[in-house]
Amino acid sequence: MTEGFAAVDVVAEADGMLVMFRWRRDPNTYAIGLEFPTAPKSPWTGLRVGSAEEWAADVAFLLMEELDTGLVRRVRRTVREGHVLLHRREAVTVWPAGYFISQVPLPSGFWLAEAGMDVDVPRRLIAEAKLACWLQAYVDNHRGEPYVGHVAASWEDGGHTTARLDVLHIQPGVPSELRAALARLAVHEVAEAGALSVVTTLDDPELHGLGFRPADGGGLALDTRSRA
C-alpha cells in the first residue's frame, strides 16, 4: 500500500472490519476500523464505485494517504489484546500550539548550541555511530525560531532492539507539554526503527506519563510493544 506498510489480516467484527498491519519495524501490530460498505460509494472520495474491487482499491488509497501523513503518531490509540487500535477520526495533540518539532539535519545542530543548548552528547553519538534519533523543537513562525528544545536517543545494542533516551531538554519558559511531546516522538522514532524497549537515566515527570516505569538496576524503561 505504501512504504513501511505490511498487511497482516482483515478481521470481520459485528459492526465493521479491522485492517491489521505492521508499520515499518515497529513491534506493534496496528489495526484501523472500517465500516462495512452499505452503498456503492467510495470511502475515500465519496463518489460512486462500480465493484467491490474498486471499493477496496479506494480503501487502500485512503489508508495510504492517512499513513503517509502520520496517522500512527497523530491519532488516539487503544491497546487491545494483541494489537493497537488507531482511532482514525480522533486526533491527539502531537505538540503544543505555537511550536513545531522536526528532525535535526545531521551532522551539526550548531543552531541549537547558538540558542544555548548542550549538543555535546548527540554529536558524540554521531561520531560513535550510535545515534538513533535527534529531534528539535522551535517556535512555529515564519522564521522557524527561536529553537527551544531537543531530544536525542542512542542505540544500546548492535541489533537496535534497545534505545536509550540520552537528552531531553527545553528552554526556560517553554510549556512542559513540549518536553512530553519531544519524548513521545522520540519513542515513536526508535520504535519504528525496531526498538523493543527504551531505557533512560533521566527522571522526568513527563516520562512517567508516557509509560516509563522503574527498571531493574535503576533508571526507567518503556516496553514499546502495545504502548498506548
N, C-alpha and C. Protein backbone atom coordinates (compact mmCIF):
# COMPACT_ATOMS: atom_id res chain seq x y z
N MET A 1 0.82 -1.20 0.00
CA MET A 1 0.00 0.00 0.00
C MET A 1 0.86 1.26 0.00
N THR A 2 1.83 1.30 0.90
CA THR A 2 2.77 2.40 0.96
C THR A 2 4.02 1.92 1.66
N GLU A 3 5.12 2.63 1.52
CA GLU A 3 6.37 2.18 2.12
C GLU A 3 6.24 2.08 3.63
N GLY A 4 6.63 0.97 4.20
CA GLY A 4 6.54 0.75 5.64
C GLY A 4 5.32 -0.04 6.07
N PHE A 5 4.35 -0.22 5.16
CA PHE A 5 3.11 -0.94 5.48
C PHE A 5 3.27 -2.41 5.14
N ALA A 6 2.87 -3.29 6.08
CA ALA A 6 2.86 -4.73 5.82
C ALA A 6 1.53 -5.28 6.33
N ALA A 7 0.69 -5.75 5.41
CA ALA A 7 -0.63 -6.26 5.79
C ALA A 7 -0.49 -7.52 6.64
N VAL A 8 -1.37 -7.65 7.64
CA VAL A 8 -1.41 -8.83 8.50
C VAL A 8 -2.70 -9.61 8.27
N ASP A 9 -3.86 -8.90 8.33
CA ASP A 9 -5.13 -9.60 8.20
C ASP A 9 -6.24 -8.56 8.06
N VAL A 10 -7.42 -9.03 7.64
CA VAL A 10 -8.65 -8.25 7.72
C VAL A 10 -9.63 -9.08 8.52
N VAL A 11 -10.12 -8.51 9.63
CA VAL A 11 -10.94 -9.26 10.57
C VAL A 11 -12.34 -8.67 10.61
N ALA A 12 -13.35 -9.49 10.42
CA ALA A 12 -14.74 -9.04 10.50
C ALA A 12 -15.19 -8.99 11.95
N GLU A 13 -15.84 -7.88 12.34
CA GLU A 13 -16.44 -7.74 13.65
C GLU A 13 -17.93 -7.49 13.46
N ALA A 14 -18.65 -7.34 14.56
CA ALA A 14 -20.10 -7.20 14.47
C ALA A 14 -20.52 -5.96 13.70
N ASP A 15 -19.78 -4.86 13.85
CA ASP A 15 -20.21 -3.60 13.25
C ASP A 15 -19.24 -3.08 12.20
N GLY A 16 -18.32 -3.90 11.75
CA GLY A 16 -17.37 -3.44 10.74
C GLY A 16 -16.19 -4.38 10.62
N MET A 17 -15.11 -3.89 10.08
CA MET A 17 -13.93 -4.73 9.89
C MET A 17 -12.69 -4.01 10.41
N LEU A 18 -11.69 -4.80 10.77
CA LEU A 18 -10.41 -4.27 11.20
C LEU A 18 -9.35 -4.63 10.17
N VAL A 19 -8.63 -3.63 9.70
CA VAL A 19 -7.47 -3.87 8.85
C VAL A 19 -6.26 -3.94 9.77
N MET A 20 -5.64 -5.10 9.86
CA MET A 20 -4.50 -5.33 10.74
C MET A 20 -3.22 -5.20 9.92
N PHE A 21 -2.22 -4.51 10.47
CA PHE A 21 -0.98 -4.30 9.71
C PHE A 21 0.19 -4.02 10.65
N ARG A 22 1.38 -4.16 10.10
CA ARG A 22 2.60 -3.74 10.78
C ARG A 22 3.09 -2.47 10.11
N TRP A 23 3.75 -1.62 10.90
CA TRP A 23 4.21 -0.34 10.38
C TRP A 23 5.72 -0.20 10.58
N ARG A 24 6.42 -0.12 9.45
CA ARG A 24 7.87 -0.03 9.47
C ARG A 24 8.43 -1.19 10.31
N ARG A 25 9.34 -0.93 11.23
CA ARG A 25 9.87 -2.02 12.06
C ARG A 25 9.30 -1.99 13.47
N ASP A 26 8.24 -1.21 13.66
CA ASP A 26 7.57 -1.12 14.95
C ASP A 26 7.11 -2.50 15.40
N PRO A 27 7.39 -2.90 16.65
CA PRO A 27 7.00 -4.24 17.10
C PRO A 27 5.50 -4.44 17.27
N ASN A 28 4.73 -3.36 17.28
CA ASN A 28 3.29 -3.48 17.45
C ASN A 28 2.60 -3.96 16.17
N THR A 29 1.48 -4.64 16.35
CA THR A 29 0.53 -4.86 15.26
C THR A 29 -0.57 -3.82 15.43
N TYR A 30 -0.85 -3.06 14.37
CA TYR A 30 -1.84 -2.00 14.42
C TYR A 30 -3.13 -2.43 13.72
N ALA A 31 -4.21 -1.73 14.06
CA ALA A 31 -5.49 -2.00 13.42
C ALA A 31 -6.23 -0.69 13.19
N ILE A 32 -6.93 -0.62 12.06
CA ILE A 32 -7.79 0.51 11.73
C ILE A 32 -9.18 -0.05 11.46
N GLY A 33 -10.19 0.54 12.09
CA GLY A 33 -11.55 0.09 11.89
C GLY A 33 -12.20 0.74 10.68
N LEU A 34 -12.94 -0.05 9.91
CA LEU A 34 -13.69 0.45 8.76
C LEU A 34 -15.11 -0.09 8.82
N GLU A 35 -16.06 0.73 8.39
CA GLU A 35 -17.45 0.27 8.32
C GLU A 35 -17.63 -0.64 7.12
N PHE A 36 -18.56 -1.58 7.24
CA PHE A 36 -18.91 -2.39 6.07
C PHE A 36 -19.54 -1.49 5.01
N PRO A 37 -19.25 -1.71 3.74
CA PRO A 37 -19.87 -0.90 2.70
C PRO A 37 -21.36 -1.23 2.57
N THR A 38 -22.21 -0.23 2.79
CA THR A 38 -23.65 -0.44 2.67
C THR A 38 -24.23 0.23 1.43
N ALA A 39 -23.36 0.92 0.68
CA ALA A 39 -23.78 1.58 -0.57
C ALA A 39 -22.57 1.59 -1.49
N PRO A 40 -22.78 1.67 -2.81
CA PRO A 40 -21.66 1.67 -3.77
C PRO A 40 -20.97 3.04 -3.81
N LYS A 41 -20.36 3.42 -2.66
CA LYS A 41 -19.74 4.73 -2.54
C LYS A 41 -18.33 4.58 -2.01
N SER A 42 -17.41 5.33 -2.57
CA SER A 42 -16.01 5.27 -2.16
C SER A 42 -15.83 5.85 -0.76
N PRO A 43 -15.12 5.14 0.13
CA PRO A 43 -14.83 5.70 1.45
C PRO A 43 -13.76 6.79 1.39
N TRP A 44 -13.13 6.93 0.24
CA TRP A 44 -12.04 7.91 0.07
C TRP A 44 -12.54 9.19 -0.58
N THR A 45 -13.25 9.07 -1.71
CA THR A 45 -13.70 10.25 -2.45
C THR A 45 -15.17 10.57 -2.25
N GLY A 46 -15.95 9.58 -1.78
CA GLY A 46 -17.39 9.76 -1.67
C GLY A 46 -18.13 9.56 -2.98
N LEU A 47 -17.39 9.28 -4.06
CA LEU A 47 -18.00 9.07 -5.37
C LEU A 47 -18.47 7.62 -5.52
N ARG A 48 -19.30 7.37 -6.50
CA ARG A 48 -19.83 6.04 -6.74
C ARG A 48 -18.71 5.11 -7.22
N VAL A 49 -18.74 3.88 -6.72
CA VAL A 49 -17.81 2.85 -7.20
C VAL A 49 -18.63 1.73 -7.83
N GLY A 50 -18.01 1.02 -8.79
CA GLY A 50 -18.76 0.05 -9.57
C GLY A 50 -18.56 -1.40 -9.16
N SER A 51 -17.68 -1.64 -8.19
CA SER A 51 -17.43 -3.03 -7.80
C SER A 51 -16.79 -3.07 -6.42
N ALA A 52 -16.79 -4.27 -5.83
CA ALA A 52 -16.11 -4.46 -4.54
C ALA A 52 -14.62 -4.19 -4.67
N GLU A 53 -14.05 -4.57 -5.81
CA GLU A 53 -12.63 -4.35 -6.04
C GLU A 53 -12.30 -2.86 -6.07
N GLU A 54 -13.18 -2.08 -6.72
CA GLU A 54 -12.95 -0.64 -6.79
C GLU A 54 -13.07 -0.01 -5.40
N TRP A 55 -14.03 -0.49 -4.62
CA TRP A 55 -14.19 0.00 -3.24
C TRP A 55 -12.93 -0.32 -2.43
N ALA A 56 -12.42 -1.55 -2.54
CA ALA A 56 -11.23 -1.94 -1.79
C ALA A 56 -10.01 -1.14 -2.22
N ALA A 57 -9.91 -0.84 -3.52
CA ALA A 57 -8.79 -0.03 -4.00
C ALA A 57 -8.83 1.37 -3.41
N ASP A 58 -10.03 1.93 -3.26
CA ASP A 58 -10.15 3.25 -2.67
C ASP A 58 -9.86 3.22 -1.17
N VAL A 59 -10.18 2.12 -0.50
CA VAL A 59 -9.77 1.96 0.90
C VAL A 59 -8.25 2.01 0.99
N ALA A 60 -7.58 1.33 0.07
CA ALA A 60 -6.11 1.32 0.07
C ALA A 60 -5.56 2.73 -0.13
N PHE A 61 -6.15 3.50 -1.05
CA PHE A 61 -5.69 4.87 -1.26
C PHE A 61 -5.93 5.74 -0.02
N LEU A 62 -7.08 5.54 0.62
CA LEU A 62 -7.41 6.29 1.84
C LEU A 62 -6.37 6.01 2.93
N LEU A 63 -6.07 4.73 3.16
CA LEU A 63 -5.13 4.38 4.21
C LEU A 63 -3.71 4.82 3.85
N MET A 64 -3.36 4.74 2.58
CA MET A 64 -2.04 5.22 2.15
C MET A 64 -1.89 6.70 2.48
N GLU A 65 -2.91 7.48 2.16
CA GLU A 65 -2.87 8.91 2.45
C GLU A 65 -2.75 9.17 3.95
N GLU A 66 -3.53 8.42 4.74
CA GLU A 66 -3.51 8.60 6.20
C GLU A 66 -2.15 8.22 6.79
N LEU A 67 -1.61 7.09 6.37
CA LEU A 67 -0.34 6.62 6.92
C LEU A 67 0.81 7.53 6.50
N ASP A 68 0.79 8.00 5.28
CA ASP A 68 1.85 8.87 4.79
C ASP A 68 1.82 10.25 5.43
N THR A 69 0.71 10.61 6.06
CA THR A 69 0.62 11.90 6.75
C THR A 69 0.63 11.73 8.27
N GLY A 70 1.19 10.59 8.74
CA GLY A 70 1.47 10.45 10.17
C GLY A 70 0.36 9.87 11.01
N LEU A 71 -0.52 9.05 10.43
CA LEU A 71 -1.65 8.51 11.18
C LEU A 71 -1.23 7.84 12.48
N VAL A 72 -0.18 7.01 12.45
CA VAL A 72 0.22 6.24 13.64
C VAL A 72 0.58 7.16 14.80
N ARG A 73 1.07 8.35 14.49
CA ARG A 73 1.53 9.26 15.54
C ARG A 73 0.49 10.29 15.97
N ARG A 74 -0.51 10.54 15.14
CA ARG A 74 -1.36 11.71 15.38
C ARG A 74 -2.78 11.38 15.80
N VAL A 75 -3.09 10.11 16.06
CA VAL A 75 -4.46 9.78 16.48
C VAL A 75 -4.43 9.04 17.82
N ARG A 76 -5.58 9.09 18.48
CA ARG A 76 -5.71 8.35 19.74
C ARG A 76 -5.63 6.86 19.47
N ARG A 77 -5.06 6.12 20.41
CA ARG A 77 -4.88 4.69 20.25
C ARG A 77 -5.36 3.96 21.49
N THR A 78 -5.86 2.76 21.29
CA THR A 78 -6.30 1.91 22.39
C THR A 78 -5.60 0.56 22.27
N VAL A 79 -4.99 0.13 23.36
CA VAL A 79 -4.33 -1.16 23.35
C VAL A 79 -5.36 -2.25 23.57
N ARG A 80 -5.45 -3.15 22.59
CA ARG A 80 -6.30 -4.33 22.71
C ARG A 80 -5.41 -5.55 22.83
N GLU A 81 -6.03 -6.68 23.09
CA GLU A 81 -5.26 -7.91 23.19
C GLU A 81 -4.64 -8.23 21.83
N GLY A 82 -3.33 -8.10 21.76
CA GLY A 82 -2.62 -8.49 20.55
C GLY A 82 -2.44 -7.40 19.51
N HIS A 83 -3.05 -6.22 19.69
CA HIS A 83 -2.86 -5.15 18.71
C HIS A 83 -3.18 -3.79 19.32
N VAL A 84 -2.84 -2.75 18.57
CA VAL A 84 -3.14 -1.37 18.97
C VAL A 84 -4.14 -0.81 17.97
N LEU A 85 -5.32 -0.43 18.45
CA LEU A 85 -6.36 0.12 17.59
C LEU A 85 -6.14 1.62 17.44
N LEU A 86 -6.06 2.09 16.18
CA LEU A 86 -5.91 3.50 15.88
C LEU A 86 -7.28 4.10 15.58
N HIS A 87 -7.65 5.15 16.33
CA HIS A 87 -8.95 5.80 16.14
C HIS A 87 -8.76 6.91 15.10
N ARG A 88 -9.03 6.58 13.86
CA ARG A 88 -8.66 7.41 12.71
C ARG A 88 -9.24 8.81 12.77
N ARG A 89 -10.39 8.99 13.38
CA ARG A 89 -11.05 10.30 13.38
C ARG A 89 -10.84 11.07 14.70
N GLU A 90 -9.96 10.56 15.55
CA GLU A 90 -9.75 11.20 16.86
C GLU A 90 -8.28 11.60 16.99
N ALA A 91 -7.99 12.83 16.61
CA ALA A 91 -6.61 13.32 16.62
C ALA A 91 -6.16 13.63 18.05
N VAL A 92 -4.86 13.51 18.28
CA VAL A 92 -4.26 13.91 19.55
C VAL A 92 -3.36 15.11 19.29
N THR A 93 -2.99 15.81 20.35
CA THR A 93 -2.09 16.94 20.23
C THR A 93 -0.66 16.41 20.14
N VAL A 94 -0.08 16.47 18.96
CA VAL A 94 1.27 15.94 18.77
C VAL A 94 2.29 16.83 19.47
N TRP A 95 2.09 18.16 19.39
CA TRP A 95 2.90 19.11 20.15
C TRP A 95 2.06 20.33 20.44
N PRO A 96 2.41 21.14 21.45
CA PRO A 96 1.59 22.30 21.82
C PRO A 96 1.48 23.31 20.69
N ALA A 97 0.35 23.98 20.65
CA ALA A 97 0.14 25.03 19.65
C ALA A 97 1.22 26.10 19.77
N GLY A 98 1.70 26.57 18.62
CA GLY A 98 2.72 27.60 18.61
C GLY A 98 4.13 27.08 18.49
N TYR A 99 4.27 25.74 18.48
CA TYR A 99 5.60 25.12 18.37
C TYR A 99 5.58 24.07 17.26
N PHE A 100 6.78 23.64 16.87
CA PHE A 100 6.91 22.61 15.86
C PHE A 100 8.11 21.75 16.20
N ILE A 101 8.03 20.46 15.87
CA ILE A 101 9.12 19.53 16.12
C ILE A 101 9.53 18.87 14.80
N SER A 102 10.82 18.79 14.56
CA SER A 102 11.33 18.17 13.34
C SER A 102 12.65 17.47 13.61
N GLN A 103 13.13 16.73 12.61
CA GLN A 103 14.43 16.09 12.70
C GLN A 103 15.52 17.17 12.68
N VAL A 104 16.60 16.91 13.42
CA VAL A 104 17.78 17.76 13.32
C VAL A 104 18.57 17.33 12.10
N PRO A 105 18.78 18.20 11.12
CA PRO A 105 19.61 17.82 9.97
C PRO A 105 21.04 17.55 10.43
N LEU A 106 21.51 16.36 10.17
CA LEU A 106 22.85 15.96 10.64
C LEU A 106 23.91 16.50 9.67
N PRO A 107 25.15 16.69 10.18
CA PRO A 107 25.61 16.24 11.50
C PRO A 107 25.73 17.34 12.54
N SER A 108 25.30 18.56 12.27
CA SER A 108 25.74 19.67 13.10
C SER A 108 24.85 20.00 14.30
N GLY A 109 23.75 20.70 14.05
CA GLY A 109 22.93 21.19 15.15
C GLY A 109 23.52 22.41 15.81
N PHE A 110 24.37 23.16 15.06
CA PHE A 110 25.04 24.31 15.67
C PHE A 110 24.06 25.37 16.12
N TRP A 111 22.89 25.45 15.44
CA TRP A 111 21.89 26.46 15.80
C TRP A 111 21.32 26.19 17.18
N LEU A 112 21.27 24.90 17.58
CA LEU A 112 20.83 24.58 18.94
C LEU A 112 21.86 25.06 19.95
N ALA A 113 23.14 24.87 19.63
CA ALA A 113 24.20 25.35 20.51
C ALA A 113 24.17 26.87 20.61
N GLU A 114 23.92 27.54 19.49
CA GLU A 114 23.84 29.01 19.49
C GLU A 114 22.68 29.50 20.36
N ALA A 115 21.63 28.65 20.48
CA ALA A 115 20.49 29.00 21.32
C ALA A 115 20.74 28.67 22.79
N GLY A 116 21.95 28.18 23.11
CA GLY A 116 22.31 27.92 24.50
C GLY A 116 22.09 26.50 24.96
N MET A 117 21.87 25.56 24.02
CA MET A 117 21.64 24.17 24.40
C MET A 117 22.90 23.34 24.20
N ASP A 118 23.08 22.36 25.07
CA ASP A 118 24.25 21.49 25.03
C ASP A 118 24.03 20.40 23.98
N VAL A 119 24.87 20.38 22.96
CA VAL A 119 24.74 19.38 21.89
C VAL A 119 25.91 18.40 21.90
N ASP A 120 26.70 18.39 22.96
CA ASP A 120 27.88 17.52 23.01
C ASP A 120 27.49 16.04 22.93
N VAL A 121 26.43 15.66 23.63
CA VAL A 121 26.04 14.24 23.66
C VAL A 121 25.60 13.75 22.29
N PRO A 122 24.65 14.41 21.61
CA PRO A 122 24.28 13.91 20.28
C PRO A 122 25.43 13.94 19.29
N ARG A 123 26.32 14.93 19.38
CA ARG A 123 27.47 14.96 18.48
C ARG A 123 28.39 13.76 18.74
N ARG A 124 28.56 13.41 20.03
CA ARG A 124 29.39 12.24 20.35
C ARG A 124 28.73 10.97 19.83
N LEU A 125 27.40 10.88 19.95
CA LEU A 125 26.69 9.70 19.46
C LEU A 125 26.82 9.57 17.95
N ILE A 126 26.82 10.69 17.24
CA ILE A 126 27.02 10.67 15.79
C ILE A 126 28.40 10.12 15.48
N ALA A 127 29.41 10.62 16.19
CA ALA A 127 30.79 10.19 15.95
C ALA A 127 30.96 8.70 16.24
N GLU A 128 30.19 8.18 17.21
CA GLU A 128 30.28 6.77 17.58
C GLU A 128 29.33 5.89 16.77
N ALA A 129 28.60 6.49 15.83
CA ALA A 129 27.62 5.77 15.01
C ALA A 129 26.57 5.07 15.87
N LYS A 130 26.15 5.74 16.94
CA LYS A 130 25.16 5.17 17.85
C LYS A 130 23.87 5.99 17.90
N LEU A 131 23.81 7.12 17.20
CA LEU A 131 22.63 7.98 17.29
C LEU A 131 21.42 7.28 16.68
N ALA A 132 20.33 7.21 17.45
CA ALA A 132 19.07 6.62 16.97
C ALA A 132 18.13 7.68 16.45
N CYS A 133 18.04 8.82 17.13
CA CYS A 133 17.24 9.94 16.64
C CYS A 133 17.67 11.20 17.35
N TRP A 134 17.43 12.33 16.68
CA TRP A 134 17.71 13.65 17.25
C TRP A 134 16.65 14.58 16.70
N LEU A 135 15.79 15.09 17.59
CA LEU A 135 14.68 15.95 17.21
C LEU A 135 14.85 17.32 17.85
N GLN A 136 14.35 18.34 17.16
CA GLN A 136 14.43 19.70 17.66
C GLN A 136 13.05 20.33 17.72
N ALA A 137 12.88 21.24 18.66
CA ALA A 137 11.62 21.98 18.79
C ALA A 137 11.91 23.47 18.62
N TYR A 138 11.00 24.15 17.93
CA TYR A 138 11.19 25.57 17.72
C TYR A 138 9.82 26.25 17.63
N VAL A 139 9.84 27.56 17.75
CA VAL A 139 8.60 28.34 17.67
C VAL A 139 8.10 28.30 16.23
N ASP A 140 6.82 28.05 16.08
CA ASP A 140 6.21 27.89 14.76
C ASP A 140 5.82 29.26 14.21
N ASN A 141 6.78 29.91 13.56
CA ASN A 141 6.52 31.19 12.92
C ASN A 141 7.21 31.22 11.56
N HIS A 142 7.17 32.33 10.87
CA HIS A 142 7.73 32.39 9.52
C HIS A 142 9.24 32.23 9.51
N ARG A 143 9.90 32.46 10.66
CA ARG A 143 11.35 32.30 10.74
C ARG A 143 11.76 30.91 11.23
N GLY A 144 10.83 30.18 11.84
CA GLY A 144 11.16 28.88 12.40
C GLY A 144 12.15 28.96 13.54
N GLU A 145 12.04 29.98 14.35
CA GLU A 145 12.92 30.17 15.50
C GLU A 145 12.25 31.12 16.48
N PRO A 146 12.70 31.17 17.71
CA PRO A 146 13.90 30.53 18.26
C PRO A 146 13.73 29.03 18.49
N TYR A 147 14.86 28.35 18.58
CA TYR A 147 14.88 26.94 18.94
C TYR A 147 14.75 26.84 20.45
N VAL A 148 13.89 25.93 20.89
CA VAL A 148 13.54 25.93 22.32
C VAL A 148 13.70 24.56 22.99
N GLY A 149 14.16 23.55 22.27
CA GLY A 149 14.35 22.26 22.92
C GLY A 149 14.85 21.21 21.95
N HIS A 150 15.32 20.09 22.52
CA HIS A 150 15.72 18.97 21.68
C HIS A 150 15.73 17.69 22.50
N VAL A 151 15.72 16.56 21.77
CA VAL A 151 15.76 15.24 22.40
C VAL A 151 16.66 14.37 21.53
N ALA A 152 17.45 13.51 22.17
CA ALA A 152 18.33 12.61 21.44
C ALA A 152 18.29 11.23 22.09
N ALA A 153 18.35 10.21 21.25
CA ALA A 153 18.36 8.82 21.73
C ALA A 153 19.44 8.05 20.99
N SER A 154 19.96 7.03 21.64
CA SER A 154 21.04 6.22 21.06
C SER A 154 20.66 4.75 21.08
N TRP A 155 21.42 3.95 20.32
CA TRP A 155 21.23 2.51 20.33
C TRP A 155 22.12 1.88 21.39
N GLU A 156 21.52 1.02 22.20
CA GLU A 156 22.25 0.32 23.26
C GLU A 156 22.93 -0.94 22.75
N ASP A 157 22.41 -1.51 21.67
CA ASP A 157 22.92 -2.79 21.18
C ASP A 157 23.04 -2.76 19.66
N GLY A 158 23.86 -3.66 19.15
CA GLY A 158 24.09 -3.72 17.72
C GLY A 158 22.87 -4.13 16.93
N GLY A 159 21.96 -4.87 17.56
CA GLY A 159 20.75 -5.29 16.88
C GLY A 159 19.66 -4.25 16.85
N HIS A 160 19.90 -3.09 17.48
CA HIS A 160 18.94 -1.99 17.51
C HIS A 160 17.59 -2.43 18.09
N THR A 161 17.64 -3.20 19.17
CA THR A 161 16.40 -3.60 19.85
C THR A 161 16.14 -2.77 21.11
N THR A 162 17.18 -2.12 21.63
CA THR A 162 17.03 -1.27 22.82
C THR A 162 17.62 0.09 22.53
N ALA A 163 16.84 1.13 22.82
CA ALA A 163 17.30 2.51 22.64
C ALA A 163 17.41 3.17 24.00
N ARG A 164 18.29 4.14 24.10
CA ARG A 164 18.46 4.90 25.33
C ARG A 164 18.12 6.37 25.07
N LEU A 165 17.25 6.93 25.90
CA LEU A 165 16.94 8.36 25.83
C LEU A 165 18.03 9.09 26.60
N ASP A 166 18.89 9.80 25.87
CA ASP A 166 20.07 10.43 26.46
C ASP A 166 19.86 11.89 26.82
N VAL A 167 19.12 12.61 25.99
CA VAL A 167 18.93 14.05 26.19
C VAL A 167 17.46 14.37 26.04
N LEU A 168 16.92 15.16 26.96
CA LEU A 168 15.55 15.68 26.86
C LEU A 168 15.55 17.05 27.51
N HIS A 169 15.50 18.10 26.69
CA HIS A 169 15.70 19.45 27.22
C HIS A 169 14.76 20.43 26.54
N ILE A 170 14.20 21.33 27.35
CA ILE A 170 13.50 22.50 26.81
C ILE A 170 14.02 23.73 27.54
N GLN A 171 13.95 24.85 26.87
CA GLN A 171 14.43 26.10 27.44
C GLN A 171 13.48 26.61 28.52
N PRO A 172 13.98 27.44 29.44
CA PRO A 172 13.11 28.04 30.47
C PRO A 172 11.95 28.81 29.84
N GLY A 173 10.79 28.68 30.46
CA GLY A 173 9.61 29.40 29.98
C GLY A 173 8.80 28.67 28.93
N VAL A 174 9.31 27.51 28.49
CA VAL A 174 8.59 26.74 27.48
C VAL A 174 7.65 25.76 28.18
N PRO A 175 6.42 25.56 27.68
CA PRO A 175 5.48 24.64 28.34
C PRO A 175 6.06 23.22 28.48
N SER A 176 5.82 22.61 29.63
CA SER A 176 6.32 21.25 29.87
C SER A 176 5.72 20.25 28.89
N GLU A 177 4.55 20.59 28.32
CA GLU A 177 3.94 19.70 27.33
C GLU A 177 4.85 19.50 26.12
N LEU A 178 5.72 20.47 25.84
CA LEU A 178 6.63 20.32 24.71
C LEU A 178 7.70 19.27 25.01
N ARG A 179 8.13 19.21 26.27
CA ARG A 179 9.09 18.17 26.65
C ARG A 179 8.46 16.80 26.49
N ALA A 180 7.20 16.66 26.92
CA ALA A 180 6.50 15.39 26.76
C ALA A 180 6.36 15.03 25.29
N ALA A 181 6.08 16.02 24.44
CA ALA A 181 5.93 15.77 23.01
C ALA A 181 7.25 15.32 22.39
N LEU A 182 8.35 15.94 22.79
CA LEU A 182 9.66 15.53 22.29
C LEU A 182 9.95 14.07 22.67
N ALA A 183 9.69 13.72 23.92
CA ALA A 183 9.94 12.35 24.38
C ALA A 183 9.04 11.36 23.63
N ARG A 184 7.78 11.71 23.47
CA ARG A 184 6.83 10.82 22.79
C ARG A 184 7.25 10.56 21.35
N LEU A 185 7.65 11.62 20.64
CA LEU A 185 8.05 11.45 19.25
C LEU A 185 9.37 10.69 19.14
N ALA A 186 10.26 10.86 20.11
CA ALA A 186 11.50 10.09 20.10
C ALA A 186 11.21 8.60 20.28
N VAL A 187 10.25 8.27 21.15
CA VAL A 187 9.85 6.87 21.32
C VAL A 187 9.29 6.32 20.01
N HIS A 188 8.45 7.11 19.33
CA HIS A 188 7.92 6.68 18.03
C HIS A 188 9.05 6.42 17.04
N GLU A 189 10.01 7.34 17.00
CA GLU A 189 11.11 7.22 16.05
C GLU A 189 11.87 5.91 16.24
N VAL A 190 12.25 5.63 17.50
CA VAL A 190 13.06 4.43 17.73
C VAL A 190 12.23 3.16 17.60
N ALA A 191 10.94 3.22 17.96
CA ALA A 191 10.08 2.05 17.81
C ALA A 191 9.91 1.71 16.33
N GLU A 192 9.72 2.73 15.50
CA GLU A 192 9.55 2.49 14.07
C GLU A 192 10.85 2.03 13.42
N ALA A 193 11.97 2.20 14.14
CA ALA A 193 13.25 1.68 13.66
C ALA A 193 13.55 0.30 14.23
N GLY A 194 12.63 -0.23 15.07
CA GLY A 194 12.78 -1.59 15.56
C GLY A 194 13.01 -1.75 17.04
N ALA A 195 13.07 -0.68 17.81
CA ALA A 195 13.34 -0.79 19.24
C ALA A 195 12.19 -1.49 19.97
N LEU A 196 12.53 -2.50 20.77
CA LEU A 196 11.55 -3.18 21.60
C LEU A 196 11.40 -2.51 22.96
N SER A 197 12.42 -1.78 23.38
CA SER A 197 12.36 -1.08 24.66
C SER A 197 13.19 0.19 24.59
N VAL A 198 12.85 1.14 25.46
CA VAL A 198 13.59 2.38 25.59
C VAL A 198 13.95 2.53 27.06
N VAL A 199 15.21 2.79 27.35
CA VAL A 199 15.66 2.95 28.73
C VAL A 199 16.23 4.36 28.88
N THR A 200 16.33 4.81 30.12
CA THR A 200 16.90 6.13 30.38
C THR A 200 17.26 6.27 31.85
N THR A 201 18.23 7.13 32.11
CA THR A 201 18.54 7.51 33.49
C THR A 201 17.93 8.87 33.81
N LEU A 202 17.29 9.49 32.82
CA LEU A 202 16.60 10.75 33.05
C LEU A 202 15.36 10.49 33.89
N ASP A 203 15.13 11.31 34.88
CA ASP A 203 13.94 11.14 35.73
C ASP A 203 13.07 12.39 35.56
N ASP A 204 12.15 12.30 34.63
CA ASP A 204 11.33 13.43 34.26
C ASP A 204 9.86 13.05 34.43
N PRO A 205 9.04 13.90 35.06
CA PRO A 205 7.63 13.55 35.26
C PRO A 205 6.90 13.20 33.97
N GLU A 206 7.26 13.85 32.87
CA GLU A 206 6.60 13.56 31.60
C GLU A 206 6.85 12.12 31.14
N LEU A 207 7.98 11.55 31.49
CA LEU A 207 8.30 10.19 31.09
C LEU A 207 7.37 9.19 31.77
N HIS A 208 7.05 9.43 33.02
CA HIS A 208 6.11 8.55 33.71
C HIS A 208 4.74 8.59 33.03
N GLY A 209 4.35 9.78 32.55
CA GLY A 209 3.08 9.90 31.86
C GLY A 209 3.05 9.16 30.53
N LEU A 210 4.22 8.91 29.95
CA LEU A 210 4.30 8.18 28.69
C LEU A 210 4.38 6.67 28.89
N GLY A 211 4.48 6.24 30.14
CA GLY A 211 4.52 4.80 30.41
C GLY A 211 5.86 4.27 30.88
N PHE A 212 6.86 5.14 31.04
CA PHE A 212 8.14 4.70 31.59
C PHE A 212 7.95 4.29 33.04
N ARG A 213 8.59 3.20 33.43
CA ARG A 213 8.49 2.68 34.79
C ARG A 213 9.88 2.35 35.32
N PRO A 214 10.06 2.30 36.65
CA PRO A 214 11.37 1.94 37.21
C PRO A 214 11.86 0.61 36.67
N ALA A 215 13.14 0.58 36.33
CA ALA A 215 13.74 -0.62 35.74
C ALA A 215 14.63 -1.32 36.74
N ASP A 216 14.79 -2.61 36.55
CA ASP A 216 15.74 -3.36 37.36
C ASP A 216 17.13 -2.79 37.15
N GLY A 217 17.81 -2.52 38.24
CA GLY A 217 19.15 -1.96 38.14
C GLY A 217 19.17 -0.44 38.10
N GLY A 218 18.00 0.20 38.15
CA GLY A 218 17.94 1.65 38.18
C GLY A 218 17.48 2.26 36.87
N GLY A 219 17.10 3.52 36.94
CA GLY A 219 16.60 4.21 35.76
C GLY A 219 15.17 3.83 35.44
N LEU A 220 14.74 4.21 34.25
CA LEU A 220 13.38 3.96 33.79
C LEU A 220 13.43 3.17 32.49
N ALA A 221 12.35 2.45 32.20
CA ALA A 221 12.27 1.67 30.96
C ALA A 221 10.84 1.70 30.45
N LEU A 222 10.72 1.59 29.15
CA LEU A 222 9.43 1.55 28.47
C LEU A 222 9.45 0.41 27.46
N ASP A 223 8.47 -0.47 27.54
CA ASP A 223 8.30 -1.51 26.53
C ASP A 223 7.50 -0.91 25.38
N THR A 224 8.09 -0.87 24.18
CA THR A 224 7.42 -0.22 23.05
C THR A 224 6.32 -1.09 22.47
N ARG A 225 6.24 -2.36 22.86
CA ARG A 225 5.19 -3.23 22.34
C ARG A 225 3.87 -2.90 23.01
N SER A 226 2.84 -2.69 22.21
CA SER A 226 1.48 -2.40 22.69
C SER A 226 1.46 -1.23 23.66
N ARG A 227 2.15 -0.16 23.29
CA ARG A 227 2.12 1.03 24.13
C ARG A 227 0.92 1.90 23.74
N ALA A 228 0.34 2.54 24.72
CA ALA A 228 -0.84 3.38 24.45
C ALA A 228 -0.40 4.74 23.95
